[in-house]
Amino acid sequence: MFTPFVDGEAVAALLVAAAVCAILVIKTRSTWSRLMRVGDLGAVQAAHSTPTPRLGGIAVFVAVVAAALLALPGWESLWVLLLTAAVPLFLSGAAEDLGFPVAPAGRLAAALASSALVVWFSGTWISHTGVPVLDLLLAWSPLAIVISVVAAAAVAHAFNLIDGLNGLAGSAALIGALSLLGTALSVNDMEVAVIASVLAAAVLGFLLFNFPFGTIFFGDAGAYTVGFLLAWMGILLAGRHADVTPFAMLLALFWPLADLTLAIVRRYQRKSPLSAPDRLHFHHLVLRSLEIAAFGRSRRSIANPVATAVMLPLIAAPALAGFLLHDRPAEAVAALAIFFVLYFALYLAGMRFAVNGLRNAPVVGRRDGSKGLPAAE
């Protein structure tokens, strides 16, 4: 009988991820220092103050593969098919993390290619929603396949956007995996349940080093690959079980998708390229508000993990709703709409607080007598 988080594969994934993270942290601080993306500190969206390796995704992927080898599944098992399909996306992200520039279009192409491989391997895609009008559209397989492929690529990209604070992307991934695990167990889909538990354990092994001190980050390889695997677990659950609605799967992965939606709206309004980074994500706003209200920028090493802790209930609430409403499409749609409204309302309220806080912050003078930036900056 399957018992999540106690089976040998999950334990192995946790231990392997933690061990690989430890090795990468130690090596990048000494002989492998050339692998550290020092230029990240000057990035527009940077929220940390010391050079940090972005190779955590390699640890997670190695851990999941090790668990798969330990289980010795058949070559046609869902586990092997998903990991094989993820290889193009993982390699494109790993190349970027190791300092070999990969254009955003190249990573998007890799995400689409990996998603197309899952469709090819599994023959599964989003075929129903529980909403009659949408189901009529999804009855045409080519359209349904395109929507599934694009949706999975979007989730992968969304996780990359939130890999900005200590523990944020990892916590969202862990919570999403647990939500999908609960749904898989509810519909007795043991294949997806095993993959979800192993991925959750691997992410937990990474989080031991990522939160609260941020000694290693997911990086592109981790964020893209973990987002991809979570997205396809959700699509497979919905595609293989008529009583699972895709809207509940969106709730399980709500936070990164909401951040992606806001980023698209924000950049469209500013007439900026969709791939252009900025410091206006929700997590940047929470970090900024904490610095203004309590910590100041000089104590960012404390404000950074605290910001993640503040957001954890907001990340967990929709994921819990996704599990509870996995077989109730109407309620899932309503919950999705409510959480989006709350997300945008909180963001606008936080933006007003941050703007007013910066406006009222004491100004730090320079030695030449000119005025500098507000103290919170």
Foldseek 3Di string as FASTA:
>chain_A
DDDFPPDPLQVQLLVQLLVVLVVVLVCCVPVVVLLWPQVLCVDQAALDNGTAQAASQVSNLVSLVVSCVVVVDDCLALSNQLNVLLVLLLVLQVCVSRPNDDDPVSNLVSLLSSLVSSCVSPVFFQQDAPDVVVNVVSVPPVVRSVVRSVQLSLQLVLLVQQQHFQCQSLLLLLLLLVLLLLQCVVVVVVSLNVSSSNSNSNSVSSSVCRPPQHNYTNTSSRSNSSSNSSSVSLGCSVRVDVQFGSLLSCLSNVPSNLQLVVLVVVCVVVVHDSPRDHQLGPLSLLLLLCLLPPNASVVSSVSRNVSSVVCSVLSNVSSNVSSVCRRPSVVSVVVSVVSSVVVVVVSVVSVVSSVVSQVPADWDADPVGDTDGGRRD
